[in-house]
Amino acid sequence: MGKRHPNLRTWQWKTYARNHRNPTNLVLHLLAVPLFIVATLVLLNGLFTWRFLPVVLGVIGLIASLGLQSHGHRLEAEAPEPFLDRKDAVGRLLTEQFVTFPRFLFSGAWWRNWRNRP
């Protein structure tokens, strides 16, 4: 069993570009991460307002987003490190969606990987 990374954001950023090189995975993340963010907001809105439809739509959006990203990661030559447990999975997924991928995109790293794709 692996060990937890004390500074998750730094560790994830350090390994992110090499785990996101496949052109299909890059496009899937470009679609799936915004879907994840919107689905999270819709889900939270439904929970805070006690409305059923936003909760259902939020859950469907989250599942679709994670499914797309999981498919994209299977296309990579270098797969991400497996999750240690549920806590590790939740922390890494939330960090990737809300911090690391937006940073990857807006820093130009996404575009560099797109231009230098295999």
PDB file of N, CA and C in Angstrom:
ATOM      1  N   MET A   1       0.847  -1.187   0.000  1.00  0.00           N
ATOM      2  CA  MET A   1       0.000   0.000   0.000  1.00  0.00           C
ATOM      3  C   MET A   1       0.884   1.240   0.000  1.00  0.00           C
ATOM      4  N   GLY A   2       0.555   2.210  -0.852  1.00  0.00           N
ATOM      5  CA  GLY A   2       1.335   3.434  -0.955  1.00  0.00           C
ATOM      6  C   GLY A   2       1.102   4.347   0.229  1.00  0.00           C
ATOM      7  N   LYS A   3       1.809   5.452   0.219  1.00  0.00           N
ATOM      8  CA  LYS A   3       1.621   6.403   1.317  1.00  0.00           C
ATOM      9  C   LYS A   3       0.930   7.659   0.810  1.00  0.00           C
ATOM     10  N   ARG A   4       0.290   8.344   1.717  1.00  0.00           N
ATOM     11  CA  ARG A   4      -0.390   9.593   1.375  1.00  0.00           C
ATOM     12  C   ARG A   4       0.638  10.677   1.080  1.00  0.00           C
ATOM     13  N   HIS A   5       0.230  11.587   0.254  1.00  0.00           N
ATOM     14  CA  HIS A   5       1.107  12.697  -0.109  1.00  0.00           C
ATOM     15  C   HIS A   5       0.744  13.883   0.775  1.00  0.00           C
ATOM     16  N   PRO A   6       1.699  14.370   1.571  1.00  0.00           N
ATOM     17  CA  PRO A   6       1.377  15.442   2.517  1.00  0.00           C
ATOM     18  C   PRO A   6       0.926  16.730   1.830  1.00  0.00           C
ATOM     19  N   ASN A   7       1.468  17.036   0.670  1.00  0.00           N
ATOM     20  CA  ASN A   7       1.034  18.213  -0.072  1.00  0.00           C
ATOM     21  C   ASN A   7       0.443  17.737  -1.397  1.00  0.00           C
ATOM     22  N   LEU A   8      -0.836  17.397  -1.345  1.00  0.00           N
ATOM     23  CA  LEU A   8      -1.517  16.782  -2.486  1.00  0.00           C
ATOM     24  C   LEU A   8      -1.448  17.656  -3.736  1.00  0.00           C
ATOM     25  N   ARG A   9      -1.671  18.956  -3.575  1.00  0.00           N
ATOM     26  CA  ARG A   9      -1.673  19.829  -4.762  1.00  0.00           C
ATOM     27  C   ARG A   9      -0.319  19.843  -5.456  1.00  0.00           C
ATOM     28  N   THR A  10       0.752  19.912  -4.696  1.00  0.00           N
ATOM     29  CA  THR A  10       2.095  19.931  -5.288  1.00  0.00           C
ATOM     30  C   THR A  10       2.400  18.602  -5.957  1.00  0.00           C
ATOM     31  N   TRP A  11       2.102  17.501  -5.274  1.00  0.00           N
ATOM     32  CA  TRP A  11       2.366  16.176  -5.837  1.00  0.00           C
ATOM     33  C   TRP A  11       1.554  15.967  -7.106  1.00  0.00           C
ATOM     34  N   GLN A  12       0.274  16.312  -7.070  1.00  0.00           N
ATOM     35  CA  GLN A  12      -0.576  16.090  -8.235  1.00  0.00           C
ATOM     36  C   GLN A  12      -0.098  16.931  -9.416  1.00  0.00           C
ATOM     37  N   TRP A  13       0.276  18.161  -9.161  1.00  0.00           N
ATOM     38  CA  TRP A  13       0.751  19.026 -10.243  1.00  0.00           C
ATOM     39  C   TRP A  13       2.034  18.469 -10.858  1.00  0.00           C
ATOM     40  N   LYS A  14       2.912  17.945 -10.020  1.00  0.00           N
ATOM     41  CA  LYS A  14       4.192  17.424 -10.486  1.00  0.00           C
ATOM     42  C   LYS A  14       4.004  16.246 -11.448  1.00  0.00           C
ATOM     43  N   THR A  15       2.983  15.435 -11.247  1.00  0.00           N
ATOM     44  CA  THR A  15       2.774  14.244 -12.073  1.00  0.00           C
ATOM     45  C   THR A  15       1.707  14.433 -13.152  1.00  0.00           C
ATOM     46  N   TYR A  16       1.008  15.545 -13.121  1.00  0.00           N
ATOM     47  CA  TYR A  16      -0.191  15.701 -13.951  1.00  0.00           C
ATOM     48  C   TYR A  16       0.092  15.688 -15.446  1.00  0.00           C
ATOM     49  N   ALA A  17       1.068  16.442 -15.901  1.00  0.00           N
ATOM     50  CA  ALA A  17       1.325  16.560 -17.344  1.00  0.00           C
ATOM     51  C   ALA A  17       1.692  15.222 -17.969  1.00  0.00           C
ATOM     52  N   ARG A  18       2.447  14.415 -17.270  1.00  0.00           N
ATOM     53  CA  ARG A  18       2.846  13.140 -17.873  1.00  0.00           C
ATOM     54  C   ARG A  18       1.717  12.109 -17.867  1.00  0.00           C
ATOM     55  N   ASN A  19       0.680  12.323 -17.050  1.00  0.00           N
ATOM     56  CA  ASN A  19      -0.479  11.421 -17.032  1.00  0.00           C
ATOM     57  C   ASN A  19      -1.609  11.926 -17.926  1.00  0.00           C
ATOM     58  N   HIS A  20      -1.368  13.036 -18.612  1.00  0.00           N
ATOM     59  CA  HIS A  20      -2.396  13.633 -19.473  1.00  0.00           C
ATOM     60  C   HIS A  20      -1.748  14.070 -20.785  1.00  0.00           C
ATOM     61  N   ARG A  21      -1.416  13.091 -21.619  1.00  0.00           N
ATOM     62  CA  ARG A  21      -0.768  13.352 -22.903  1.00  0.00           C
ATOM     63  C   ARG A  21      -1.597  12.878 -24.086  1.00  0.00           C
ATOM     64  N   ASN A  22      -2.384  11.848 -23.887  1.00  0.00           N
ATOM     65  CA  ASN A  22      -3.169  11.285 -24.977  1.00  0.00           C
ATOM     66  C   ASN A  22      -4.179  12.319 -25.471  1.00  0.00           C
ATOM     67  N   PRO A  23      -4.265  12.550 -26.788  1.00  0.00           N
ATOM     68  CA  PRO A  23      -5.165  13.591 -27.292  1.00  0.00           C
ATOM     69  C   PRO A  23      -6.635  13.361 -26.947  1.00  0.00           C
ATOM     70  N   THR A  24      -7.080  12.119 -26.975  1.00  0.00           N
ATOM     71  CA  THR A  24      -8.476  11.841 -26.608  1.00  0.00           C
ATOM     72  C   THR A  24      -8.700  12.166 -25.138  1.00  0.00           C
ATOM     73  N   ASN A  25      -7.760  11.795 -24.288  1.00  0.00           N
ATOM     74  CA  ASN A  25      -7.879  12.098 -22.858  1.00  0.00           C
ATOM     75  C   ASN A  25      -7.887  13.605 -22.625  1.00  0.00           C
ATOM     76  N   LEU A  26      -7.076  14.336 -23.359  1.00  0.00           N
ATOM     77  CA  LEU A  26      -7.053  15.794 -23.201  1.00  0.00           C
ATOM     78  C   LEU A  26      -8.421  16.399 -23.533  1.00  0.00           C
ATOM     79  N   VAL A  27      -9.030  15.948 -24.617  1.00  0.00           N
ATOM     80  CA  VAL A  27     -10.348  16.464 -25.007  1.00  0.00           C
ATOM     81  C   VAL A  27     -11.410  16.025 -24.004  1.00  0.00           C
ATOM     82  N   LEU A  28     -11.349  14.767 -23.585  1.00  0.00           N
ATOM     83  CA  LEU A  28     -12.328  14.287 -22.600  1.00  0.00           C
ATOM     84  C   LEU A  28     -12.264  15.110 -21.313  1.00  0.00           C
ATOM     85  N   HIS A  29     -11.067  15.431 -20.859  1.00  0.00           N
ATOM     86  CA  HIS A  29     -10.931  16.254 -19.654  1.00  0.00           C
ATOM     87  C   HIS A  29     -11.443  17.676 -19.890  1.00  0.00           C
ATOM     88  N   LEU A  30     -11.226  18.190 -21.079  1.00  0.00           N
ATOM     89  CA  LEU A  30     -11.712  19.533 -21.411  1.00  0.00           C
ATOM     90  C   LEU A  30     -13.236  19.601 -21.312  1.00  0.00           C
ATOM     91  N   LEU A  31     -13.905  18.500 -21.597  1.00  0.00           N
ATOM     92  CA  LEU A  31     -15.365  18.431 -21.491  1.00  0.00           C
ATOM     93  C   LEU A  31     -15.816  17.998 -20.092  1.00  0.00           C
ATOM     94  N   ALA A  32     -15.129  17.014 -19.541  1.00  0.00           N
ATOM     95  CA  ALA A  32     -15.601  16.368 -18.312  1.00  0.00           C
ATOM     96  C   ALA A  32     -15.361  17.188 -17.053  1.00  0.00           C
ATOM     97  N   VAL A  33     -14.273  17.925 -16.978  1.00  0.00           N
ATOM     98  CA  VAL A  33     -14.014  18.689 -15.755  1.00  0.00           C
ATOM     99  C   VAL A  33     -15.029  19.821 -15.571  1.00  0.00           C
ATOM    100  N   PRO A  34     -15.336  20.610 -16.606  1.00  0.00           N
ATOM    101  CA  PRO A  34     -16.411  21.589 -16.419  1.00  0.00           C
ATOM    102  C   PRO A  34     -17.750  20.931 -16.074  1.00  0.00           C
ATOM    103  N   LEU A  35     -18.022  19.767 -16.670  1.00  0.00           N
ATOM    104  CA  LEU A  35     -19.237  19.036 -16.320  1.00  0.00           C
ATOM    105  C   LEU A  35     -19.231  18.680 -14.836  1.00  0.00           C
ATOM    106  N   PHE A  36     -18.104  18.233 -14.327  1.00  0.00           N
ATOM    107  CA  PHE A  36     -17.987  17.877 -12.910  1.00  0.00           C
ATOM    108  C   PHE A  36     -18.266  19.094 -12.030  1.00  0.00           C
ATOM    109  N   ILE A  37     -17.684  20.228 -12.388  1.00  0.00           N
ATOM    110  CA  ILE A  37     -17.857  21.440 -11.586  1.00  0.00           C
ATOM    111  C   ILE A  37     -19.319  21.884 -11.594  1.00  0.00           C
ATOM    112  N   VAL A  38     -19.934  21.919 -12.764  1.00  0.00           N
ATOM    113  CA  VAL A  38     -21.343  22.318 -12.857  1.00  0.00           C
ATOM    114  C   VAL A  38     -22.226  21.315 -12.121  1.00  0.00           C
ATOM    115  N   ALA A  39     -21.965  20.023 -12.294  1.00  0.00           N
ATOM    116  CA  ALA A  39     -22.769  18.996 -11.625  1.00  0.00           C
ATOM    117  C   ALA A  39     -22.655  19.116 -10.108  1.00  0.00           C
ATOM    118  N   THR A  40     -21.472  19.438  -9.620  1.00  0.00           N
ATOM    119  CA  THR A  40     -21.288  19.626  -8.176  1.00  0.00           C
ATOM    120  C   THR A  40     -22.135  20.796  -7.685  1.00  0.00           C
ATOM    121  N   LEU A  41     -22.118  21.897  -8.425  1.00  0.00           N
ATOM    122  CA  LEU A  41     -22.908  23.068  -8.030  1.00  0.00           C
ATOM    123  C   LEU A  41     -24.406  22.770  -8.078  1.00  0.00           C
ATOM    124  N   VAL A  42     -24.845  22.035  -9.098  1.00  0.00           N
ATOM    125  CA  VAL A  42     -26.263  21.663  -9.206  1.00  0.00           C
ATOM    126  C   VAL A  42     -26.654  20.744  -8.049  1.00  0.00           C
ATOM    127  N   LEU A  43     -25.805  19.776  -7.754  1.00  0.00           N
ATOM    128  CA  LEU A  43     -26.066  18.869  -6.641  1.00  0.00           C
ATOM    129  C   LEU A  43     -26.157  19.620  -5.316  1.00  0.00           C
ATOM    130  N   LEU A  44     -25.199  20.499  -5.064  1.00  0.00           N
ATOM    131  CA  LEU A  44     -25.225  21.277  -3.818  1.00  0.00           C
ATOM    132  C   LEU A  44     -26.469  22.160  -3.736  1.00  0.00           C
ATOM    133  N   ASN A  45     -26.851  22.755  -4.859  1.00  0.00           N
ATOM    134  CA  ASN A  45     -28.070  23.562  -4.884  1.00  0.00           C
ATOM    135  C   ASN A  45     -29.276  22.711  -4.506  1.00  0.00           C
ATOM    136  N   GLY A  46     -29.350  21.522  -5.066  1.00  0.00           N
ATOM    137  CA  GLY A  46     -30.458  20.633  -4.743  1.00  0.00           C
ATOM    138  C   GLY A  46     -30.471  20.217  -3.288  1.00  0.00           C
ATOM    139  N   LEU A  47     -29.292  19.968  -2.734  1.00  0.00           N
ATOM    140  CA  LEU A  47     -29.227  19.579  -1.324  1.00  0.00           C
ATOM    141  C   LEU A  47     -29.620  20.733  -0.405  1.00  0.00           C
ATOM    142  N   PHE A  48     -29.160  21.927  -0.727  1.00  0.00           N
ATOM    143  CA  PHE A  48     -29.454  23.082   0.131  1.00  0.00           C
ATOM    144  C   PHE A  48     -30.895  23.571   0.001  1.00  0.00           C
ATOM    145  N   THR A  49     -31.517  23.315  -1.148  1.00  0.00           N
ATOM    146  CA  THR A  49     -32.905  23.770  -1.341  1.00  0.00           C
ATOM    147  C   THR A  49     -33.907  22.629  -1.194  1.00  0.00           C
ATOM    148  N   TRP A  50     -33.426  21.443  -0.860  1.00  0.00           N
ATOM    149  CA  TRP A  50     -34.277  20.269  -0.684  1.00  0.00           C
ATOM    150  C   TRP A  50     -35.100  19.975  -1.934  1.00  0.00           C
ATOM    151  N   ARG A  51     -34.446  20.064  -3.106  1.00  0.00           N
ATOM    152  CA  ARG A  51     -35.133  19.780  -4.366  1.00  0.00           C
ATOM    153  C   ARG A  51     -34.530  18.513  -4.983  1.00  0.00           C
ATOM    154  N   PHE A  52     -35.417  17.629  -5.389  1.00  0.00           N
ATOM    155  CA  PHE A  52     -35.022  16.307  -5.864  1.00  0.00           C
ATOM    156  C   PHE A  52     -34.335  16.353  -7.231  1.00  0.00           C
ATOM    157  N   LEU A  53     -34.899  17.065  -8.188  1.00  0.00           N
ATOM    158  CA  LEU A  53     -34.376  17.063  -9.558  1.00  0.00           C
ATOM    159  C   LEU A  53     -32.924  17.541  -9.642  1.00  0.00           C
ATOM    160  N   PRO A  54     -32.554  18.650  -8.997  1.00  0.00           N
ATOM    161  CA  PRO A  54     -31.139  19.033  -9.065  1.00  0.00           C
ATOM    162  C   PRO A  54     -30.198  17.995  -8.443  1.00  0.00           C
ATOM    163  N   VAL A  55     -30.659  17.327  -7.399  1.00  0.00           N
ATOM    164  CA  VAL A  55     -29.821  16.285  -6.795  1.00  0.00           C
ATOM    165  C   VAL A  55     -29.585  15.164  -7.810  1.00  0.00           C
ATOM    166  N   VAL A  56     -30.650  14.720  -8.451  1.00  0.00           N
ATOM    167  CA  VAL A  56     -30.539  13.641  -9.434  1.00  0.00           C
ATOM    168  C   VAL A  56     -29.667  14.070 -10.611  1.00  0.00           C
ATOM    169  N   LEU A  57     -29.907  15.262 -11.136  1.00  0.00           N
ATOM    170  CA  LEU A  57     -29.104  15.752 -12.267  1.00  0.00           C
ATOM    171  C   LEU A  57     -27.635  15.917 -11.876  1.00  0.00           C
ATOM    172  N   GLY A  58     -27.392  16.401 -10.664  1.00  0.00           N
ATOM    173  CA  GLY A  58     -26.020  16.546 -10.188  1.00  0.00           C
ATOM    174  C   GLY A  58     -25.306  15.210 -10.094  1.00  0.00           C
ATOM    175  N   VAL A  59     -25.980  14.213  -9.546  1.00  0.00           N
ATOM    176  CA  VAL A  59     -25.380  12.882  -9.429  1.00  0.00           C
ATOM    177  C   VAL A  59     -25.110  12.293 -10.814  1.00  0.00           C
ATOM    178  N   ILE A  60     -26.056  12.427 -11.727  1.00  0.00           N
ATOM    179  CA  ILE A  60     -25.858  11.929 -13.094  1.00  0.00           C
ATOM    180  C   ILE A  60     -24.667  12.631 -13.749  1.00  0.00           C
ATOM    181  N   GLY A  61     -24.566  13.944 -13.578  1.00  0.00           N
ATOM    182  CA  GLY A  61     -23.442  14.689 -14.145  1.00  0.00           C
ATOM    183  C   GLY A  61     -22.105  14.254 -13.569  1.00  0.00           C
ATOM    184  N   LEU A  62     -22.066  14.025 -12.260  1.00  0.00           N
ATOM    185  CA  LEU A  62     -20.816  13.579 -11.628  1.00  0.00           C
ATOM    186  C   LEU A  62     -20.403  12.204 -12.145  1.00  0.00           C
ATOM    187  N   ILE A  63     -21.367  11.295 -12.230  1.00  0.00           N
ATOM    188  CA  ILE A  63     -21.060   9.946 -12.721  1.00  0.00           C
ATOM    189  C   ILE A  63     -20.575  10.007 -14.173  1.00  0.00           C
ATOM    190  N   ALA A  64     -21.249  10.794 -15.001  1.00  0.00           N
ATOM    191  CA  ALA A  64     -20.840  10.923 -16.408  1.00  0.00           C
ATOM    192  C   ALA A  64     -19.429  11.511 -16.509  1.00  0.00           C
ATOM    193  N   SER A  65     -19.163  12.551 -15.736  1.00  0.00           N
ATOM    194  CA  SER A  65     -17.852  13.191 -15.769  1.00  0.00           C
ATOM    195  C   SER A  65     -16.750  12.226 -15.357  1.00  0.00           C
ATOM    196  N   LEU A  66     -16.961  11.531 -14.257  1.00  0.00           N
ATOM    197  CA  LEU A  66     -15.932  10.602 -13.777  1.00  0.00           C
ATOM    198  C   LEU A  66     -15.767   9.423 -14.735  1.00  0.00           C
ATOM    199  N   GLY A  67     -16.855   8.997 -15.368  1.00  0.00           N
ATOM    200  CA  GLY A  67     -16.759   7.930 -16.362  1.00  0.00           C
ATOM    201  C   GLY A  67     -15.931   8.347 -17.566  1.00  0.00           C
ATOM    202  N   LEU A  68     -16.163   9.555 -18.055  1.00  0.00           N
ATOM    203  CA  LEU A  68     -15.380  10.064 -19.183  1.00  0.00           C
ATOM    204  C   LEU A  68     -13.896  10.168 -18.827  1.00  0.00           C
ATOM    205  N   GLN A  69     -13.617  10.692 -17.644  1.00  0.00           N
ATOM    206  CA  GLN A  69     -12.222  10.844 -17.239  1.00  0.00           C
ATOM    207  C   GLN A  69     -11.549   9.494 -17.017  1.00  0.00           C
ATOM    208  N   SER A  70     -12.284   8.550 -16.456  1.00  0.00           N
ATOM    209  CA  SER A  70     -11.734   7.214 -16.244  1.00  0.00           C
ATOM    210  C   SER A  70     -11.388   6.569 -17.587  1.00  0.00           C
ATOM    211  N   HIS A  71     -12.282   6.718 -18.557  1.00  0.00           N
ATOM    212  CA  HIS A  71     -12.010   6.188 -19.894  1.00  0.00           C
ATOM    213  C   HIS A  71     -10.751   6.850 -20.475  1.00  0.00           C
ATOM    214  N   GLY A  72     -10.654   8.163 -20.338  1.00  0.00           N
ATOM    215  CA  GLY A  72      -9.486   8.872 -20.847  1.00  0.00           C
ATOM    216  C   GLY A  72      -8.191   8.422 -20.192  1.00  0.00           C
ATOM    217  N   HIS A  73      -8.222   8.179 -18.909  1.00  0.00           N
ATOM    218  CA  HIS A  73      -7.006   7.750 -18.199  1.00  0.00           C
ATOM    219  C   HIS A  73      -6.555   6.364 -18.660  1.00  0.00           C
ATOM    220  N   ARG A  74      -7.495   5.528 -19.073  1.00  0.00           N
ATOM    221  CA  ARG A  74      -7.114   4.193 -19.572  1.00  0.00           C
ATOM    222  C   ARG A  74      -6.370   4.283 -20.908  1.00  0.00           C
ATOM    223  N   LEU A  75      -6.482   5.394 -21.600  1.00  0.00           N
ATOM    224  CA  LEU A  75      -5.801   5.576 -22.883  1.00  0.00           C
ATOM    225  C   LEU A  75      -4.352   6.041 -22.726  1.00  0.00           C
ATOM    226  N   GLU A  76      -3.991   6.455 -21.536  1.00  0.00           N
ATOM    227  CA  GLU A  76      -2.666   7.014 -21.295  1.00  0.00           C
ATOM    228  C   GLU A  76      -1.585   5.932 -21.224  1.00  0.00           C
ATOM    229  N   ALA A  77      -0.406   6.255 -21.747  1.00  0.00           N
ATOM    230  CA  ALA A  77       0.738   5.348 -21.645  1.00  0.00           C
ATOM    231  C   ALA A  77       1.182   5.211 -20.195  1.00  0.00           C
ATOM    232  N   GLU A  78       1.094   6.300 -19.441  1.00  0.00           N
ATOM    233  CA  GLU A  78       1.470   6.295 -18.028  1.00  0.00           C
ATOM    234  C   GLU A  78       0.223   6.616 -17.198  1.00  0.00           C
ATOM    235  N   ALA A  79      -0.297   5.594 -16.555  1.00  0.00           N
ATOM    236  CA  ALA A  79      -1.535   5.741 -15.780  1.00  0.00           C
ATOM    237  C   ALA A  79      -1.267   6.464 -14.461  1.00  0.00           C
ATOM    238  N   PRO A  80      -2.274   7.173 -13.945  1.00  0.00           N
ATOM    239  CA  PRO A  80      -2.127   7.794 -12.635  1.00  0.00           C
ATOM    240  C   PRO A  80      -1.948   6.725 -11.550  1.00  0.00           C
ATOM    241  N   GLU A  81      -1.335   7.127 -10.466  1.00  0.00           N
ATOM    242  CA  GLU A  81      -1.150   6.229  -9.329  1.00  0.00           C
ATOM    243  C   GLU A  81      -2.525   5.803  -8.798  1.00  0.00           C
ATOM    244  N   PRO A  82      -2.700   4.510  -8.475  1.00  0.00           N
ATOM    245  CA  PRO A  82      -4.006   4.068  -7.969  1.00  0.00           C
ATOM    246  C   PRO A  82      -4.349   4.737  -6.623  1.00  0.00           C
ATOM    247  N   PHE A  83      -5.643   4.829  -6.366  1.00  0.00           N
ATOM    248  CA  PHE A  83      -6.101   5.388  -5.096  1.00  0.00           C
ATOM    249  C   PHE A  83      -5.765   4.430  -3.954  1.00  0.00           C
ATOM    250  N   LEU A  84      -5.433   4.993  -2.801  1.00  0.00           N
ATOM    251  CA  LEU A  84      -5.136   4.182  -1.628  1.00  0.00           C
ATOM    252  C   LEU A  84      -6.411   3.687  -0.950  1.00  0.00           C
ATOM    253  N   ASP A  85      -7.408   4.566  -0.870  1.00  0.00           N
ATOM    254  CA  ASP A  85      -8.669   4.254  -0.210  1.00  0.00           C
ATOM    255  C   ASP A  85      -9.678   5.318  -0.608  1.00  0.00           C
ATOM    256  N   ARG A  86     -10.856   5.261  -0.019  1.00  0.00           N
ATOM    257  CA  ARG A  86     -11.921   6.207  -0.379  1.00  0.00           C
ATOM    258  C   ARG A  86     -11.523   7.654  -0.070  1.00  0.00           C
ATOM    259  N   LYS A  87     -10.902   7.883   1.074  1.00  0.00           N
ATOM    260  CA  LYS A  87     -10.494   9.244   1.451  1.00  0.00           C
ATOM    261  C   LYS A  87      -9.483   9.801   0.439  1.00  0.00           C
ATOM    262  N   ASP A  88      -8.531   8.973   0.042  1.00  0.00           N
ATOM    263  CA  ASP A  88      -7.543   9.377  -0.959  1.00  0.00           C
ATOM    264  C   ASP A  88      -8.233   9.681  -2.289  1.00  0.00           C
ATOM    265  N   ALA A  89      -9.176   8.844  -2.685  1.00  0.00           N
ATOM    266  CA  ALA A  89      -9.889   9.042  -3.953  1.00  0.00           C
ATOM    267  C   ALA A  89     -10.651  10.360  -3.952  1.00  0.00           C
ATOM    268  N   VAL A  90     -11.396  10.624  -2.890  1.00  0.00           N
ATOM    269  CA  VAL A  90     -12.184  11.858  -2.821  1.00  0.00           C
ATOM    270  C   VAL A  90     -11.268  13.079  -2.837  1.00  0.00           C
ATOM    271  N   GLY A  91     -10.221  13.058  -2.048  1.00  0.00           N
ATOM    272  CA  GLY A  91      -9.292  14.193  -2.003  1.00  0.00           C
ATOM    273  C   GLY A  91      -8.626  14.444  -3.340  1.00  0.00           C
ATOM    274  N   ARG A  92      -8.143  13.389  -3.963  1.00  0.00           N
ATOM    275  CA  ARG A  92      -7.471  13.550  -5.255  1.00  0.00           C
ATOM    276  C   ARG A  92      -8.430  13.979  -6.351  1.00  0.00           C
ATOM    277  N   LEU A  93      -9.641  13.411  -6.363  1.00  0.00           N
ATOM    278  CA  LEU A  93     -10.620  13.789  -7.389  1.00  0.00           C
ATOM    279  C   LEU A  93     -11.035  15.246  -7.257  1.00  0.00           C
ATOM    280  N   LEU A  94     -11.335  15.672  -6.045  1.00  0.00           N
ATOM    281  CA  LEU A  94     -11.740  17.072  -5.850  1.00  0.00           C
ATOM    282  C   LEU A  94     -10.602  18.032  -6.174  1.00  0.00           C
ATOM    283  N   THR A  95      -9.393  17.670  -5.784  1.00  0.00           N
ATOM    284  CA  THR A  95      -8.234  18.524  -6.090  1.00  0.00           C
ATOM    285  C   THR A  95      -8.015  18.608  -7.594  1.00  0.00           C
ATOM    286  N   GLU A  96      -8.139  17.475  -8.275  1.00  0.00           N
ATOM    287  CA  GLU A  96      -7.950  17.497  -9.730  1.00  0.00           C
ATOM    288  C   GLU A  96      -8.997  18.375 -10.415  1.00  0.00           C
ATOM    289  N   GLN A  97     -10.252  18.227 -10.024  1.00  0.00           N
ATOM    290  CA  GLN A  97     -11.334  18.937 -10.698  1.00  0.00           C
ATOM    291  C   GLN A  97     -11.307  20.441 -10.450  1.00  0.00           C
ATOM    292  N   PHE A  98     -11.070  20.822  -9.215  1.00  0.00           N
ATOM    293  CA  PHE A  98     -11.202  22.236  -8.837  1.00  0.00           C
ATOM    294  C   PHE A  98      -9.889  23.007  -8.825  1.00  0.00           C
ATOM    295  N   VAL A  99      -8.755  22.306  -8.802  1.00  0.00           N
ATOM    296  CA  VAL A  99      -7.470  23.008  -8.722  1.00  0.00           C
ATOM    297  C   VAL A  99      -6.542  22.621  -9.872  1.00  0.00           C
ATOM    298  N   THR A 100      -6.202  21.337  -9.958  1.00  0.00           N
ATOM    299  CA  THR A 100      -5.119  20.921 -10.853  1.00  0.00           C
ATOM    300  C   THR A 100      -5.486  21.041 -12.328  1.00  0.00           C
ATOM    301  N   PHE A 101      -6.657  20.538 -12.746  1.00  0.00           N
ATOM    302  CA  PHE A 101      -6.982  20.663 -14.163  1.00  0.00           C
ATOM    303  C   PHE A 101      -7.155  22.119 -14.596  1.00  0.00           C
ATOM    304  N   PRO A 102      -7.885  22.950 -13.832  1.00  0.00           N
ATOM    305  CA  PRO A 102      -7.945  24.358 -14.242  1.00  0.00           C
ATOM    306  C   PRO A 102      -6.555  24.995 -14.340  1.00  0.00           C
ATOM    307  N   ARG A 103      -5.679  24.672 -13.412  1.00  0.00           N
ATOM    308  CA  ARG A 103      -4.310  25.203 -13.467  1.00  0.00           C
ATOM    309  C   ARG A 103      -3.592  24.673 -14.706  1.00  0.00           C
ATOM    310  N   PHE A 104      -3.768  23.388 -15.005  1.00  0.00           N
ATOM    311  CA  PHE A 104      -3.170  22.750 -16.179  1.00  0.00           C
ATOM    312  C   PHE A 104      -3.639  23.446 -17.457  1.00  0.00           C
ATOM    313  N   LEU A 105      -4.925  23.742 -17.519  1.00  0.00           N
ATOM    314  CA  LEU A 105      -5.500  24.388 -18.694  1.00  0.00           C
ATOM    315  C   LEU A 105      -5.025  25.833 -18.828  1.00  0.00           C
ATOM    316  N   PHE A 106      -5.188  26.609 -17.781  1.00  0.00           N
ATOM    317  CA  PHE A 106      -4.912  28.047 -17.871  1.00  0.00           C
ATOM    318  C   PHE A 106      -3.431  28.407 -17.827  1.00  0.00           C
ATOM    319  N   SER A 107      -2.587  27.473 -17.413  1.00  0.00           N
ATOM    320  CA  SER A 107      -1.139  27.726 -17.429  1.00  0.00           C
ATOM    321  C   SER A 107      -0.541  27.496 -18.813  1.00  0.00           C
ATOM    322  N   GLY A 108      -1.328  26.880 -19.707  1.00  0.00           N
ATOM    323  CA  GLY A 108      -0.820  26.561 -21.037  1.00  0.00           C
ATOM    324  C   GLY A 108      -0.285  25.143 -21.144  1.00  0.00           C
ATOM    325  N   ALA A 109      -0.236  24.407 -20.039  1.00  0.00           N
ATOM    326  CA  ALA A 109       0.294  23.040 -20.063  1.00  0.00           C
ATOM    327  C   ALA A 109      -0.594  22.112 -20.913  1.00  0.00           C
ATOM    328  N   TRP A 110      -1.914  22.333 -20.873  1.00  0.00           N
ATOM    329  CA  TRP A 110      -2.821  21.529 -21.701  1.00  0.00           C
ATOM    330  C   TRP A 110      -2.452  21.722 -23.172  1.00  0.00           C
ATOM    331  N   TRP A 111      -2.273  22.956 -23.569  1.00  0.00           N
ATOM    332  CA  TRP A 111      -1.954  23.266 -24.965  1.00  0.00           C
ATOM    333  C   TRP A 111      -0.589  22.700 -25.362  1.00  0.00           C
ATOM    334  N   ARG A 112       0.385  22.773 -24.462  1.00  0.00           N
ATOM    335  CA  ARG A 112       1.703  22.195 -24.752  1.00  0.00           C
ATOM    336  C   ARG A 112       1.588  20.685 -24.966  1.00  0.00           C
ATOM    337  N   ASN A 113       0.817  20.009 -24.113  1.00  0.00           N
ATOM    338  CA  ASN A 113       0.650  18.570 -24.285  1.00  0.00           C
ATOM    339  C   ASN A 113      -0.129  18.258 -25.559  1.00  0.00           C
ATOM    340  N   TRP A 114      -1.073  19.108 -25.914  1.00  0.00           N
ATOM    341  CA  TRP A 114      -1.838  18.909 -27.156  1.00  0.00           C
ATOM    342  C   TRP A 114      -0.907  19.027 -28.372  1.00  0.00           C
ATOM    343  N   ARG A 115      -0.094  20.047 -28.389  1.00  0.00           N
ATOM    344  CA  ARG A 115       0.824  20.256 -29.520  1.00  0.00           C
ATOM    345  C   ARG A 115       1.873  19.159 -29.608  1.00  0.00           C
ATOM    346  N   ASN A 116       2.297  18.621 -28.477  1.00  0.00           N
ATOM    347  CA  ASN A 116       3.376  17.602 -28.440  1.00  0.00           C
ATOM    348  C   ASN A 116       2.825  16.200 -28.252  1.00  0.00           C
ATOM    349  N   ARG A 117       1.561  16.002 -28.642  1.00  0.00           N
ATOM    350  CA  ARG A 117       0.929  14.701 -28.416  1.00  0.00           C
ATOM    351  C   ARG A 117       1.638  13.614 -29.208  1.00  0.00           C
ATOM    352  N   PRO A 118       1.533  12.386 -28.700  1.00  0.00           N
ATOM    353  CA  PRO A 118       2.210  11.244 -29.376  1.00  0.00           C
ATOM    354  C   PRO A 118       1.586  10.934 -30.726  1.00  0.00           C
TER     355      PRO A 118
END
